[in-house]
Amino acid sequence: MPDDEIAQRLRDFREQLEAEVWPAATEAAAEYHVDQVTHLVQLKARIDALTWAIDHRPRERAKIGF
């Protein structure tokens, strides 16, 4: 699978997660579900790490000939 296609799939996955995380976190906070909020915030941190990885990936894979 080409790198650009992988990156696009990861971006789509990230957007889907972000769309689900914040409404769930808001609802959990309103109901004082501290553990659930904690897990959702950790998930958001992972989403941010995914975003960073996508934005800083090499444009081309190194070609090593053996």
PDB file of N, CA and C in Angstrom:
ATOM      1  N   MET A   1       0.856  -1.174   0.000  1.00  0.00           N
ATOM      2  CA  MET A   1       0.000   0.000   0.000  1.00  0.00           C
ATOM      3  C   MET A   1       0.904   1.240   0.000  1.00  0.00           C
ATOM      4  N   PRO A   2       0.664   2.175  -0.880  1.00  0.00           N
ATOM      5  CA  PRO A   2       1.491   3.391  -0.949  1.00  0.00           C
ATOM      6  C   PRO A   2       1.417   4.212   0.349  1.00  0.00           C
ATOM      7  N   ASP A   3       2.513   4.896   0.657  1.00  0.00           N
ATOM      8  CA  ASP A   3       2.588   5.701   1.880  1.00  0.00           C
ATOM      9  C   ASP A   3       1.475   6.737   1.970  1.00  0.00           C
ATOM     10  N   ASP A   4       1.168   7.395   0.861  1.00  0.00           N
ATOM     11  CA  ASP A   4       0.121   8.423   0.890  1.00  0.00           C
ATOM     12  C   ASP A   4      -1.238   7.823   1.227  1.00  0.00           C
ATOM     13  N   GLU A   5      -1.490   6.622   0.735  1.00  0.00           N
ATOM     14  CA  GLU A   5      -2.762   5.957   1.029  1.00  0.00           C
ATOM     15  C   GLU A   5      -2.842   5.570   2.507  1.00  0.00           C
ATOM     16  N   ILE A   6      -1.746   5.091   3.053  1.00  0.00           N
ATOM     17  CA  ILE A   6      -1.702   4.757   4.479  1.00  0.00           C
ATOM     18  C   ILE A   6      -1.940   6.009   5.311  1.00  0.00           C
ATOM     19  N   ALA A   7      -1.262   7.087   4.965  1.00  0.00           N
ATOM     20  CA  ALA A   7      -1.422   8.344   5.701  1.00  0.00           C
ATOM     21  C   ALA A   7      -2.865   8.824   5.646  1.00  0.00           C
ATOM     22  N   GLN A   8      -3.502   8.720   4.494  1.00  0.00           N
ATOM     23  CA  GLN A   8      -4.900   9.156   4.379  1.00  0.00           C
ATOM     24  C   GLN A   8      -5.819   8.290   5.231  1.00  0.00           C
ATOM     25  N   ARG A   9      -5.574   6.996   5.254  1.00  0.00           N
ATOM     26  CA  ARG A   9      -6.392   6.107   6.090  1.00  0.00           C
ATOM     27  C   ARG A   9      -6.218   6.454   7.566  1.00  0.00           C
ATOM     28  N   LEU A  10      -4.985   6.770   7.966  1.00  0.00           N
ATOM     29  CA  LEU A  10      -4.741   7.167   9.352  1.00  0.00           C
ATOM     30  C   LEU A  10      -5.426   8.490   9.673  1.00  0.00           C
ATOM     31  N   ARG A  11      -5.395   9.441   8.735  1.00  0.00           N
ATOM     32  CA  ARG A  11      -6.085  10.721   8.953  1.00  0.00           C
ATOM     33  C   ARG A  11      -7.588  10.503   9.113  1.00  0.00           C
ATOM     34  N   ASP A  12      -8.159   9.649   8.264  1.00  0.00           N
ATOM     35  CA  ASP A  12      -9.596   9.358   8.356  1.00  0.00           C
ATOM     36  C   ASP A  12      -9.939   8.716   9.694  1.00  0.00           C
ATOM     37  N   PHE A  13      -9.085   7.788  10.134  1.00  0.00           N
ATOM     38  CA  PHE A  13      -9.292   7.123  11.421  1.00  0.00           C
ATOM     39  C   PHE A  13      -9.201   8.128  12.560  1.00  0.00           C
ATOM     40  N   ARG A  14      -8.210   9.015  12.481  1.00  0.00           N
ATOM     41  CA  ARG A  14      -8.031  10.046  13.504  1.00  0.00           C
ATOM     42  C   ARG A  14      -9.260  10.946  13.588  1.00  0.00           C
ATOM     43  N   GLU A  15      -9.772  11.372  12.449  1.00  0.00           N
ATOM     44  CA  GLU A  15     -10.951  12.245  12.439  1.00  0.00           C
ATOM     45  C   GLU A  15     -12.165  11.550  13.043  1.00  0.00           C
ATOM     46  N   GLN A  16     -12.331  10.276  12.738  1.00  0.00           N
ATOM     47  CA  GLN A  16     -13.440   9.510  13.304  1.00  0.00           C
ATOM     48  C   GLN A  16     -13.314   9.420  14.823  1.00  0.00           C
ATOM     49  N   LEU A  17     -12.107   9.128  15.301  1.00  0.00           N
ATOM     50  CA  LEU A  17     -11.897   9.047  16.748  1.00  0.00           C
ATOM     51  C   LEU A  17     -12.166  10.383  17.426  1.00  0.00           C
ATOM     52  N   GLU A  18     -11.639  11.461  16.855  1.00  0.00           N
ATOM     53  CA  GLU A  18     -11.851  12.777  17.456  1.00  0.00           C
ATOM     54  C   GLU A  18     -13.329  13.129  17.505  1.00  0.00           C
ATOM     55  N   ALA A  19     -14.061  12.762  16.477  1.00  0.00           N
ATOM     56  CA  ALA A  19     -15.496  13.057  16.441  1.00  0.00           C
ATOM     57  C   ALA A  19     -16.244  12.305  17.533  1.00  0.00           C
ATOM     58  N   GLU A  20     -15.723  11.164  17.954  1.00  0.00           N
ATOM     59  CA  GLU A  20     -16.386  10.360  18.979  1.00  0.00           C
ATOM     60  C   GLU A  20     -15.876  10.650  20.390  1.00  0.00           C
ATOM     61  N   VAL A  21     -14.614  11.034  20.516  1.00  0.00           N
ATOM     62  CA  VAL A  21     -14.008  11.190  21.846  1.00  0.00           C
ATOM     63  C   VAL A  21     -14.592  12.362  22.617  1.00  0.00           C
ATOM     64  N   TRP A  22     -14.643  13.544  22.024  1.00  0.00           N
ATOM     65  CA  TRP A  22     -15.052  14.717  22.796  1.00  0.00           C
ATOM     66  C   TRP A  22     -16.510  14.677  23.234  1.00  0.00           C
ATOM     67  N   PRO A  23     -17.456  14.248  22.414  1.00  0.00           N
ATOM     68  CA  PRO A  23     -18.828  14.130  22.921  1.00  0.00           C
ATOM     69  C   PRO A  23     -18.928  13.111  24.063  1.00  0.00           C
ATOM     70  N   ALA A  24     -18.200  12.006  23.939  1.00  0.00           N
ATOM     71  CA  ALA A  24     -18.219  10.993  24.998  1.00  0.00           C
ATOM     72  C   ALA A  24     -17.587  11.536  26.277  1.00  0.00           C
ATOM     73  N   ALA A  25     -16.501  12.283  26.152  1.00  0.00           N
ATOM     74  CA  ALA A  25     -15.845  12.857  27.327  1.00  0.00           C
ATOM     75  C   ALA A  25     -16.733  13.894  27.999  1.00  0.00           C
ATOM     76  N   THR A  26     -17.404  14.708  27.209  1.00  0.00           N
ATOM     77  CA  THR A  26     -18.308  15.716  27.763  1.00  0.00           C
ATOM     78  C   THR A  26     -19.449  15.060  28.530  1.00  0.00           C
ATOM     79  N   GLU A  27     -20.018  14.021  27.950  1.00  0.00           N
ATOM     80  CA  GLU A  27     -21.107  13.303  28.617  1.00  0.00           C
ATOM     81  C   GLU A  27     -20.616  12.638  29.901  1.00  0.00           C
ATOM     82  N   ALA A  28     -19.452  12.011  29.847  1.00  0.00           N
ATOM     83  CA  ALA A  28     -18.899  11.358  31.032  1.00  0.00           C
ATOM     84  C   ALA A  28     -18.599  12.377  32.126  1.00  0.00           C
ATOM     85  N   ALA A  29     -18.088  13.531  31.749  1.00  0.00           N
ATOM     86  CA  ALA A  29     -17.793  14.570  32.736  1.00  0.00           C
ATOM     87  C   ALA A  29     -19.073  15.088  33.377  1.00  0.00           C
ATOM     88  N   ALA A  30     -20.114  15.249  32.583  1.00  0.00           N
ATOM     89  CA  ALA A  30     -21.387  15.734  33.115  1.00  0.00           C
ATOM     90  C   ALA A  30     -21.981  14.753  34.114  1.00  0.00           C
ATOM     91  N   GLU A  31     -21.664  13.471  33.935  1.00  0.00           N
ATOM     92  CA  GLU A  31     -22.188  12.442  34.832  1.00  0.00           C
ATOM     93  C   GLU A  31     -21.167  12.034  35.895  1.00  0.00           C
ATOM     94  N   TYR A  32     -20.064  12.785  35.991  1.00  0.00           N
ATOM     95  CA  TYR A  32     -19.019  12.560  36.993  1.00  0.00           C
ATOM     96  C   TYR A  32     -18.389  11.174  36.904  1.00  0.00           C
ATOM     97  N   HIS A  33     -18.192  10.666  35.692  1.00  0.00           N
ATOM     98  CA  HIS A  33     -17.494   9.399  35.476  1.00  0.00           C
ATOM     99  C   HIS A  33     -16.013   9.704  35.246  1.00  0.00           C
ATOM    100  N   VAL A  34     -15.310   9.896  36.342  1.00  0.00           N
ATOM    101  CA  VAL A  34     -13.925  10.355  36.284  1.00  0.00           C
ATOM    102  C   VAL A  34     -13.030   9.364  35.541  1.00  0.00           C
ATOM    103  N   ASP A  35     -13.188   8.070  35.812  1.00  0.00           N
ATOM    104  CA  ASP A  35     -12.342   7.075  35.145  1.00  0.00           C
ATOM    105  C   ASP A  35     -12.539   7.101  33.633  1.00  0.00           C
ATOM    106  N   GLN A  36     -13.771   7.237  33.201  1.00  0.00           N
ATOM    107  CA  GLN A  36     -14.048   7.273  31.765  1.00  0.00           C
ATOM    108  C   GLN A  36     -13.442   8.529  31.136  1.00  0.00           C
ATOM    109  N   VAL A  37     -13.563   9.651  31.821  1.00  0.00           N
ATOM    110  CA  VAL A  37     -12.963  10.891  31.314  1.00  0.00           C
ATOM    111  C   VAL A  37     -11.448  10.722  31.198  1.00  0.00           C
ATOM    112  N   THR A  38     -10.834  10.116  32.215  1.00  0.00           N
ATOM    113  CA  THR A  38      -9.388   9.888  32.194  1.00  0.00           C
ATOM    114  C   THR A  38      -8.983   9.053  30.988  1.00  0.00           C
ATOM    115  N   HIS A  39      -9.709   7.981  30.738  1.00  0.00           N
ATOM    116  CA  HIS A  39      -9.395   7.122  29.594  1.00  0.00           C
ATOM    117  C   HIS A  39      -9.577   7.863  28.268  1.00  0.00           C
ATOM    118  N   LEU A  40     -10.605   8.677  28.180  1.00  0.00           N
ATOM    119  CA  LEU A  40     -10.851   9.424  26.948  1.00  0.00           C
ATOM    120  C   LEU A  40      -9.781  10.486  26.714  1.00  0.00           C
ATOM    121  N   VAL A  41      -9.311  11.110  27.788  1.00  0.00           N
ATOM    122  CA  VAL A  41      -8.231  12.094  27.647  1.00  0.00           C
ATOM    123  C   VAL A  41      -6.946  11.392  27.203  1.00  0.00           C
ATOM    124  N   GLN A  42      -6.697  10.200  27.745  1.00  0.00           N
ATOM    125  CA  GLN A  42      -5.530   9.431  27.302  1.00  0.00           C
ATOM    126  C   GLN A  42      -5.654   9.061  25.826  1.00  0.00           C
ATOM    127  N   LEU A  43      -6.852   8.695  25.408  1.00  0.00           N
ATOM    128  CA  LEU A  43      -7.081   8.390  23.997  1.00  0.00           C
ATOM    129  C   LEU A  43      -6.816   9.621  23.136  1.00  0.00           C
ATOM    130  N   LYS A  44      -7.245  10.781  23.601  1.00  0.00           N
ATOM    131  CA  LYS A  44      -6.999  12.023  22.861  1.00  0.00           C
ATOM    132  C   LYS A  44      -5.497  12.279  22.729  1.00  0.00           C
ATOM    133  N   ALA A  45      -4.739  11.982  23.777  1.00  0.00           N
ATOM    134  CA  ALA A  45      -3.283  12.145  23.706  1.00  0.00           C
ATOM    135  C   ALA A  45      -2.694  11.211  22.653  1.00  0.00           C
ATOM    136  N   ARG A  46      -3.230  10.017  22.558  1.00  0.00           N
ATOM    137  CA  ARG A  46      -2.757   9.078  21.537  1.00  0.00           C
ATOM    138  C   ARG A  46      -3.125   9.559  20.136  1.00  0.00           C
ATOM    139  N   ILE A  47      -4.302  10.141  20.014  1.00  0.00           N
ATOM    140  CA  ILE A  47      -4.709  10.706  18.725  1.00  0.00           C
ATOM    141  C   ILE A  47      -3.754  11.832  18.332  1.00  0.00           C
ATOM    142  N   ASP A  48      -3.390  12.675  19.299  1.00  0.00           N
ATOM    143  CA  ASP A  48      -2.440  13.756  19.021  1.00  0.00           C
ATOM    144  C   ASP A  48      -1.083  13.195  18.589  1.00  0.00           C
ATOM    145  N   ALA A  49      -0.658  12.092  19.213  1.00  0.00           N
ATOM    146  CA  ALA A  49       0.604  11.453  18.820  1.00  0.00           C
ATOM    147  C   ALA A  49       0.505  10.911  17.401  1.00  0.00           C
ATOM    148  N   LEU A  50      -0.636  10.351  17.054  1.00  0.00           N
ATOM    149  CA  LEU A  50      -0.859   9.864  15.693  1.00  0.00           C
ATOM    150  C   LEU A  50      -0.786  11.023  14.702  1.00  0.00           C
ATOM    151  N   THR A  51      -1.388  12.133  15.054  1.00  0.00           N
ATOM    152  CA  THR A  51      -1.345  13.319  14.201  1.00  0.00           C
ATOM    153  C   THR A  51       0.095  13.767  13.984  1.00  0.00           C
ATOM    154  N   TRP A  52       0.869  13.812  15.055  1.00  0.00           N
ATOM    155  CA  TRP A  52       2.267  14.216  14.949  1.00  0.00           C
ATOM    156  C   TRP A  52       3.023  13.254  14.037  1.00  0.00           C
ATOM    157  N   ALA A  53       2.800  11.954  14.205  1.00  0.00           N
ATOM    158  CA  ALA A  53       3.500  10.954  13.395  1.00  0.00           C
ATOM    159  C   ALA A  53       3.147  11.095  11.916  1.00  0.00           C
ATOM    160  N   ILE A  54       1.881  11.335  11.631  1.00  0.00           N
ATOM    161  CA  ILE A  54       1.466  11.506  10.237  1.00  0.00           C
ATOM    162  C   ILE A  54       2.122  12.747   9.642  1.00  0.00           C
ATOM    163  N   ASP A  55       2.127  13.829  10.402  1.00  0.00           N
ATOM    164  CA  ASP A  55       2.664  15.093   9.892  1.00  0.00           C
ATOM    165  C   ASP A  55       4.185  15.095   9.755  1.00  0.00           C
ATOM    166  N   HIS A  56       4.873  14.201  10.457  1.00  0.00           N
ATOM    167  CA  HIS A  56       6.335  14.187  10.441  1.00  0.00           C
ATOM    168  C   HIS A  56       6.908  12.928   9.795  1.00  0.00           C
ATOM    169  N   ARG A  57       6.102  12.221   9.047  1.00  0.00           N
ATOM    170  CA  ARG A  57       6.595  10.998   8.403  1.00  0.00           C
ATOM    171  C   ARG A  57       7.499  11.364   7.232  1.00  0.00           C
ATOM    172  N   PRO A  58       8.456  10.486   6.945  1.00  0.00           N
ATOM    173  CA  PRO A  58       9.299  10.723   5.771  1.00  0.00           C
ATOM    174  C   PRO A  58       8.456  10.673   4.505  1.00  0.00           C
ATOM    175  N   ARG A  59       8.779  11.482   3.556  1.00  0.00           N
ATOM    176  CA  ARG A  59       8.012  11.526   2.310  1.00  0.00           C
ATOM    177  C   ARG A  59       8.273  10.304   1.439  1.00  0.00           C
ATOM    178  N   GLU A  60       9.454   9.752   1.531  1.00  0.00           N
ATOM    179  CA  GLU A  60       9.772   8.543   0.776  1.00  0.00           C
ATOM    180  C   GLU A  60      10.525   7.596   1.685  1.00  0.00           C
ATOM    181  N   ARG A  61      10.278   6.322   1.499  1.00  0.00           N
ATOM    182  CA  ARG A  61      11.023   5.331   2.269  1.00  0.00           C
ATOM    183  C   ARG A  61      12.455   5.274   1.737  1.00  0.00           C
ATOM    184  N   ALA A  62      13.378   5.078   2.654  1.00  0.00           N
ATOM    185  CA  ALA A  62      14.772   4.935   2.236  1.00  0.00           C
ATOM    186  C   ALA A  62      14.911   3.642   1.437  1.00  0.00           C
ATOM    187  N   LYS A  63      15.661   3.723   0.373  1.00  0.00           N
ATOM    188  CA  LYS A  63      15.867   2.539  -0.461  1.00  0.00           C
ATOM    189  C   LYS A  63      17.264   2.003  -0.188  1.00  0.00           C
ATOM    190  N   ILE A  64      17.289   0.804   0.343  1.00  0.00           N
ATOM    191  CA  ILE A  64      18.563   0.168   0.670  1.00  0.00           C
ATOM    192  C   ILE A  64      18.693  -1.068  -0.212  1.00  0.00           C
ATOM    193  N   GLY A  65      19.737  -1.141  -0.958  1.00  0.00           N
ATOM    194  CA  GLY A  65      19.943  -2.290  -1.835  1.00  0.00           C
ATOM    195  C   GLY A  65      20.937  -3.267  -1.242  1.00  0.00           C
ATOM    196  N   PHE A  66      20.527  -4.509  -1.155  1.00  0.00           N
ATOM    197  CA  PHE A  66      21.441  -5.554  -0.680  1.00  0.00           C
ATOM    198  C   PHE A  66      21.561  -6.609  -1.737  1.00  0.00           C
TER     199      PHE A  66
END
